[in-house]
Amino acid sequence: MKKATKRKAAPAAKPRITPAAQGPAQKIAPFLWFDGRAEEAANFYVSIFKNSKVVGMHRMGEGGPVPKGTVMSATFVLEGQTFHALNGGPMFKFTPAISFFVNCETQGEVDRFWEALSAGGAKEPCGWLRDRFGVSWQIIPTALGRYMGDKDPRKAGAVMRAMMQMTKIDIKALERAYKEA
């Protein structure tokens, strides 16, 4: 009988490193342009959402357009969604044409996100707000979609009219409008 020979194990493959410090691989991710506040914004957003973290900060080295150590870009994850932030300068500003939609199950969630994200920003009609960086958010309870999606156009319309009168969305007021229609 032949004696079994041991083979050397193949070297382990190196893990693929995703952009900006091992953030989760994601095909499409929002890329936000800030004027010197990318690090502050990343830390602010991570402080508000559970299951969130900053996964990378790329700081400028010697000889760059900004002082050494200044954050040029940041990568952070909010509830499993990767975001990239860049300190690109004053050339571009945020507009409500792009917003982040936050699904909320309870009024407590609506209230918490509404107050935290609008601090230093602006509260706007129909569940919209602008945060202190100018980024637009929609803080929307899932109940709104259920009520507005009702097959009865009277009920859906009553909910729409109620929502149009609100700034922060009030689930109980939506429910009243739905039941009274």
Protein backbone atom coordinates (compact mmCIF):
# COMPACT_ATOMS: atom_id res chain seq x y z
CA MET A 1 0.00 0.00 0.00
CA LYS A 2 1.07 3.45 -0.80
CA LYS A 3 1.47 5.88 2.03
CA ALA A 4 -0.80 8.95 1.76
CA THR A 5 1.07 12.16 1.27
CA LYS A 6 -0.02 15.45 2.73
CA ARG A 7 -0.56 18.27 0.31
CA LYS A 8 0.18 21.81 1.22
CA ALA A 9 -2.93 23.89 1.63
CA ALA A 10 -3.40 26.65 -0.92
CA PRO A 11 -2.77 30.08 0.49
CA ALA A 12 -5.93 31.77 1.71
CA ALA A 13 -7.36 34.31 -0.68
CA LYS A 14 -7.04 37.88 0.47
CA PRO A 15 -10.38 39.40 1.37
CA ARG A 16 -11.75 41.99 -1.00
CA ILE A 17 -11.50 45.41 0.59
CA THR A 18 -14.40 47.68 -0.24
CA PRO A 19 -13.93 51.41 -0.77
CA ALA A 20 -13.26 53.67 2.19
CA ALA A 21 -12.22 51.19 4.83
CA GLN A 22 -14.04 47.89 4.68
CA GLY A 23 -17.61 49.17 4.45
CA PRO A 24 -20.23 46.67 3.29
CA ALA A 25 -20.13 45.96 -0.43
CA GLN A 26 -23.15 47.62 -2.01
CA LYS A 27 -23.76 48.11 -5.71
CA ILE A 28 -25.37 51.54 -5.38
CA ALA A 29 -24.90 53.93 -2.46
CA PRO A 30 -25.78 57.59 -1.86
CA PHE A 31 -22.80 59.93 -2.19
CA LEU A 32 -23.28 63.21 -0.34
CA TRP A 33 -21.29 66.39 -1.06
CA PHE A 34 -20.58 68.57 1.98
CA ASP A 35 -18.71 71.83 2.40
CA GLY A 36 -16.24 70.86 5.12
CA ARG A 37 -18.76 69.03 7.33
CA ALA A 38 -18.61 65.40 6.12
CA GLU A 39 -17.13 64.07 9.37
CA GLU A 40 -19.64 66.00 11.49
CA ALA A 41 -22.53 64.78 9.31
CA ALA A 42 -21.43 61.13 9.42
CA ASN A 43 -21.14 61.23 13.21
CA PHE A 44 -24.49 63.04 13.53
CA TYR A 45 -26.40 60.52 11.41
CA VAL A 46 -24.79 57.53 13.14
CA SER A 47 -25.85 58.99 16.51
CA ILE A 48 -29.51 59.00 15.41
CA PHE A 49 -30.02 55.62 13.75
CA LYS A 50 -29.64 52.26 15.50
CA ASN A 51 -27.52 49.59 13.82
CA SER A 52 -25.29 52.29 12.40
CA LYS A 53 -21.58 53.02 12.38
CA VAL A 54 -18.84 55.00 10.76
CA VAL A 55 -16.74 52.52 8.80
CA GLY A 56 -14.09 54.81 7.41
CA MET A 57 -12.63 58.30 7.39
CA HIS A 58 -10.12 59.20 4.71
CA ARG A 59 -7.96 62.06 5.94
CA MET A 60 -5.84 64.30 3.75
CA GLY A 61 -2.10 63.84 3.87
CA GLU A 62 0.67 66.37 3.27
CA GLY A 63 0.42 68.65 0.26
CA GLY A 64 -3.33 68.40 -0.27
CA PRO A 65 -5.82 71.17 -0.99
CA VAL A 66 -6.81 71.25 2.70
CA PRO A 67 -4.77 70.94 5.91
CA LYS A 68 -3.23 67.56 6.73
CA GLY A 69 -5.64 65.44 8.79
CA THR A 70 -8.78 67.04 7.38
CA VAL A 71 -11.42 64.47 6.44
CA MET A 72 -11.81 64.29 2.68
CA SER A 73 -14.36 61.48 2.66
CA ALA A 74 -16.29 59.34 5.10
CA THR A 75 -18.17 56.08 4.76
CA PHE A 76 -20.93 55.22 7.20
CA VAL A 77 -23.77 52.74 7.46
CA LEU A 78 -27.29 53.61 8.65
CA GLU A 79 -29.56 50.63 9.25
CA GLY A 80 -27.64 48.54 6.71
CA GLN A 81 -27.50 51.29 4.02
CA THR A 82 -24.03 52.49 3.10
CA PHE A 83 -23.49 56.22 2.56
CA HIS A 84 -20.43 58.05 1.32
CA ALA A 85 -19.72 61.68 2.23
CA LEU A 86 -17.22 64.02 0.61
CA ASN A 87 -15.89 67.39 1.68
CA GLY A 88 -16.09 68.77 -1.83
CA GLY A 89 -16.37 72.48 -1.14
CA PRO A 90 -19.07 75.13 -1.55
CA MET A 91 -19.89 74.56 -5.23
CA PHE A 92 -22.93 72.32 -4.76
CA LYS A 93 -25.83 72.43 -2.32
CA PHE A 94 -28.49 69.90 -1.35
CA THR A 95 -32.06 70.35 -2.60
CA PRO A 96 -35.30 68.55 -1.72
CA ALA A 97 -35.19 66.98 -5.20
CA ILE A 98 -33.34 64.15 -3.44
CA SER A 99 -34.47 63.06 0.02
CA PHE A 100 -34.11 60.10 2.34
CA PHE A 101 -37.34 58.31 3.22
CA VAL A 102 -37.45 56.89 6.75
CA ASN A 103 -40.14 54.24 7.35
CA CYS A 104 -41.48 54.42 10.89
CA GLU A 105 -43.69 51.82 12.56
CA THR A 106 -44.78 53.91 15.57
CA GLN A 107 -45.49 57.50 16.50
CA GLY A 108 -42.56 57.24 18.91
CA GLU A 109 -40.24 56.53 15.99
CA VAL A 110 -41.72 59.39 13.97
CA ASP A 111 -41.26 61.76 16.92
CA ARG A 112 -37.70 60.64 17.67
CA PHE A 113 -36.42 60.89 14.08
CA TRP A 114 -38.34 64.11 13.48
CA GLU A 115 -36.84 65.91 16.47
CA ALA A 116 -33.32 64.54 16.07
CA LEU A 117 -32.96 65.16 12.34
CA SER A 118 -34.66 68.57 12.29
CA ALA A 119 -32.55 69.99 15.17
CA GLY A 120 -30.80 73.01 13.70
CA GLY A 121 -32.61 72.50 10.39
CA ALA A 122 -36.15 73.16 9.18
CA LYS A 123 -39.46 71.35 9.70
CA GLU A 124 -41.46 71.29 6.49
CA PRO A 125 -44.97 70.16 5.43
CA CYS A 126 -46.13 66.58 4.95
CA GLY A 127 -43.43 64.83 6.97
CA TRP A 128 -40.47 66.48 5.25
CA LEU A 129 -37.59 68.20 6.98
CA ARG A 130 -34.16 69.58 6.21
CA ASP A 131 -31.40 68.73 8.64
CA ARG A 132 -28.70 71.16 9.74
CA PHE A 133 -26.58 70.19 6.72
CA GLY A 134 -29.38 70.90 4.23
CA VAL A 135 -30.16 67.22 3.52
CA SER A 136 -33.89 66.51 3.06
CA TRP A 137 -35.60 63.66 4.88
CA GLN A 138 -39.15 62.28 4.86
CA ILE A 139 -40.17 60.84 8.22
CA ILE A 140 -43.16 58.71 7.27
CA PRO A 141 -45.17 56.16 9.25
CA THR A 142 -45.93 52.93 7.38
CA ALA A 143 -49.60 53.51 8.35
CA LEU A 144 -49.74 56.39 5.86
CA GLY A 145 -49.04 54.05 2.96
CA ARG A 146 -51.60 51.51 4.19
CA TYR A 147 -54.33 54.13 4.57
CA MET A 148 -53.60 55.94 1.32
CA GLY A 149 -53.47 52.62 -0.50
CA ASP A 150 -57.02 51.70 0.50
CA LYS A 151 -59.26 50.70 -2.41
CA ASP A 152 -61.95 53.07 -1.16
CA PRO A 153 -61.07 56.43 -2.74
CA ARG A 154 -63.03 58.31 -0.05
CA LYS A 155 -60.87 56.83 2.72
CA ALA A 156 -57.61 57.29 0.81
CA GLY A 157 -58.59 60.87 -0.09
CA ALA A 158 -59.50 61.72 3.50
CA VAL A 159 -56.10 60.49 4.65
CA MET A 160 -54.35 62.49 1.93
CA ARG A 161 -56.22 65.67 2.92
CA ALA A 162 -55.34 65.11 6.59
CA MET A 163 -51.67 64.53 5.77
CA MET A 164 -51.55 67.70 3.64
CA GLN A 165 -52.47 69.73 6.76
CA MET A 166 -49.61 68.29 8.82
CA THR A 167 -45.98 69.14 9.29
CA LYS A 168 -44.87 66.14 11.36
CA ILE A 169 -47.12 63.18 10.54
CA ASP A 170 -49.56 62.22 13.29
CA ILE A 171 -50.64 58.56 13.03
CA LYS A 172 -53.73 58.98 15.25
CA ALA A 173 -54.97 61.89 13.14
CA LEU A 174 -54.48 59.80 9.98
CA GLU A 175 -56.40 56.95 11.59
CA ARG A 176 -59.26 59.30 12.56
CA ALA A 177 -59.48 60.64 9.00
CA TYR A 178 -59.49 57.08 7.65
CA LYS A 179 -62.23 55.85 10.02
CA GLU A 180 -64.42 58.93 9.59
CA ALA A 181 -64.43 58.80 5.79
